[in-house]
Amino acid sequence: MALKFQKNPIFTPIKKTKTGMTKVNLIDNGPLVVVGEHTITHPDGSQEVKPSRASYCRCEKSANMPFCDGAHKG
């Protein structure tokens, strides 16, 4: 499955991609948002499938790594 990268300074929620492709949105001063089914491989080798959308922390302030919890705002 190919990834499509798109820098989007203003986040617009997307429920499903029309093409069935996975999209990656980089939010200015915010998370990396992946829209579409994707698999996460954790450092311990365990995997989980995210069926639709997930926001990933880029600031390393999240208490719920690797996911964004909004800690970058404060």
C-alpha atoms as a PDB file:
ATOM      1  CA  MET A   1       0.000   0.000   0.000  1.00  0.00           C
ATOM      2  CA  ALA A   2       1.528   3.325  -1.032  1.00  0.00           C
ATOM      3  CA  LEU A   3       1.510   6.366   1.232  1.00  0.00           C
ATOM      4  CA  LYS A   4       0.551   9.838   0.093  1.00  0.00           C
ATOM      5  CA  PHE A   5       2.233  12.696   1.980  1.00  0.00           C
ATOM      6  CA  GLN A   6       0.491  16.044   2.210  1.00  0.00           C
ATOM      7  CA  LYS A   7       1.479  19.076   4.303  1.00  0.00           C
ATOM      8  CA  ASN A   8      -1.728  20.634   5.580  1.00  0.00           C
ATOM      9  CA  PRO A   9      -1.378  23.608   7.983  1.00  0.00           C
ATOM     10  CA  ILE A  10      -5.120  23.662   8.659  1.00  0.00           C
ATOM     11  CA  PHE A  11      -6.474  20.279   9.684  1.00  0.00           C
ATOM     12  CA  THR A  12      -9.695  19.211   8.019  1.00  0.00           C
ATOM     13  CA  PRO A  13     -11.088  15.969   9.451  1.00  0.00           C
ATOM     14  CA  ILE A  14     -11.354  13.225   6.860  1.00  0.00           C
ATOM     15  CA  LYS A  15     -13.459  10.136   7.551  1.00  0.00           C
ATOM     16  CA  LYS A  16     -12.433   7.955   4.592  1.00  0.00           C
ATOM     17  CA  THR A  17     -10.219   8.444   1.606  1.00  0.00           C
ATOM     18  CA  LYS A  18     -12.074   8.272  -1.690  1.00  0.00           C
ATOM     19  CA  THR A  19      -9.258   6.445  -3.440  1.00  0.00           C
ATOM     20  CA  GLY A  20      -8.708   3.866  -0.723  1.00  0.00           C
ATOM     21  CA  MET A  21      -5.134   5.123  -0.316  1.00  0.00           C
ATOM     22  CA  THR A  22      -3.602   5.899   3.048  1.00  0.00           C
ATOM     23  CA  LYS A  23      -2.896   9.621   3.500  1.00  0.00           C
ATOM     24  CA  VAL A  24      -0.384  11.241   5.850  1.00  0.00           C
ATOM     25  CA  ASN A  25      -1.046  14.843   6.892  1.00  0.00           C
ATOM     26  CA  LEU A  26       1.637  16.895   8.654  1.00  0.00           C
ATOM     27  CA  ILE A  27      -0.011  19.506  10.870  1.00  0.00           C
ATOM     28  CA  ASP A  28       2.051  22.653  11.525  1.00  0.00           C
ATOM     29  CA  ASN A  29       3.237  22.541  15.152  1.00  0.00           C
ATOM     30  CA  GLY A  30       1.077  19.474  15.647  1.00  0.00           C
ATOM     31  CA  PRO A  31       0.794  15.761  15.032  1.00  0.00           C
ATOM     32  CA  LEU A  32       1.252  13.553  12.031  1.00  0.00           C
ATOM     33  CA  VAL A  33      -2.253  12.371  11.097  1.00  0.00           C
ATOM     34  CA  VAL A  34      -2.626   9.101   9.199  1.00  0.00           C
ATOM     35  CA  VAL A  35      -5.974   8.575   7.463  1.00  0.00           C
ATOM     36  CA  GLY A  36      -6.699   5.083   6.168  1.00  0.00           C
ATOM     37  CA  GLU A  37      -5.912   1.600   7.383  1.00  0.00           C
ATOM     38  CA  HIS A  38      -2.341   1.142   8.570  1.00  0.00           C
ATOM     39  CA  THR A  39      -0.292  -1.121  10.833  1.00  0.00           C
ATOM     40  CA  ILE A  40       1.860   0.160  13.694  1.00  0.00           C
ATOM     41  CA  THR A  41       4.915  -1.863  14.716  1.00  0.00           C
ATOM     42  CA  HIS A  42       5.966  -0.973  18.270  1.00  0.00           C
ATOM     43  CA  PRO A  43       9.588  -1.135  19.501  1.00  0.00           C
ATOM     44  CA  ASP A  44       8.873  -4.471  21.235  1.00  0.00           C
ATOM     45  CA  GLY A  45       7.791  -5.938  17.867  1.00  0.00           C
ATOM     46  CA  SER A  46       4.084  -6.051  18.672  1.00  0.00           C
ATOM     47  CA  GLN A  47       1.747  -4.776  15.985  1.00  0.00           C
ATOM     48  CA  GLU A  48      -1.667  -3.167  15.932  1.00  0.00           C
ATOM     49  CA  VAL A  49      -3.886  -2.243  13.029  1.00  0.00           C
ATOM     50  CA  LYS A  50      -5.539   1.161  12.951  1.00  0.00           C
ATOM     51  CA  PRO A  51      -8.559   0.819  10.668  1.00  0.00           C
ATOM     52  CA  SER A  52      -9.311   4.462   9.932  1.00  0.00           C
ATOM     53  CA  ARG A  53      -7.371   7.346  11.489  1.00  0.00           C
ATOM     54  CA  ALA A  54      -4.710   8.017  14.105  1.00  0.00           C
ATOM     55  CA  SER A  55      -2.719  11.087  15.204  1.00  0.00           C
ATOM     56  CA  TYR A  56       0.939  10.525  16.059  1.00  0.00           C
ATOM     57  CA  CYS A  57       2.977  12.760  18.354  1.00  0.00           C
ATOM     58  CA  ARG A  58       5.944  14.617  16.870  1.00  0.00           C
ATOM     59  CA  CYS A  59       6.799  16.803  19.880  1.00  0.00           C
ATOM     60  CA  GLU A  60       7.503  13.891  22.286  1.00  0.00           C
ATOM     61  CA  LYS A  61       5.387  15.540  25.028  1.00  0.00           C
ATOM     62  CA  SER A  62       2.472  13.094  24.807  1.00  0.00           C
ATOM     63  CA  ALA A  63       1.695  10.926  27.823  1.00  0.00           C
ATOM     64  CA  ASN A  64       0.232   8.397  25.384  1.00  0.00           C
ATOM     65  CA  MET A  65       3.149   7.849  22.985  1.00  0.00           C
ATOM     66  CA  PRO A  66       3.223   7.250  20.088  1.00  0.00           C
ATOM     67  CA  PHE A  67      -0.203   8.879  19.872  1.00  0.00           C
ATOM     68  CA  CYS A  68      -0.865  12.622  20.151  1.00  0.00           C
ATOM     69  CA  ASP A  69      -2.756  13.761  23.249  1.00  0.00           C
ATOM     70  CA  GLY A  70      -2.615  17.505  22.509  1.00  0.00           C
ATOM     71  CA  ALA A  71       0.295  18.172  24.909  1.00  0.00           C
ATOM     72  CA  HIS A  72       2.041  20.224  22.184  1.00  0.00           C
ATOM     73  CA  LYS A  73      -0.570  22.968  22.699  1.00  0.00           C
ATOM     74  CA  GLY A  74       0.395  23.773  26.265  1.00  0.00           C
END
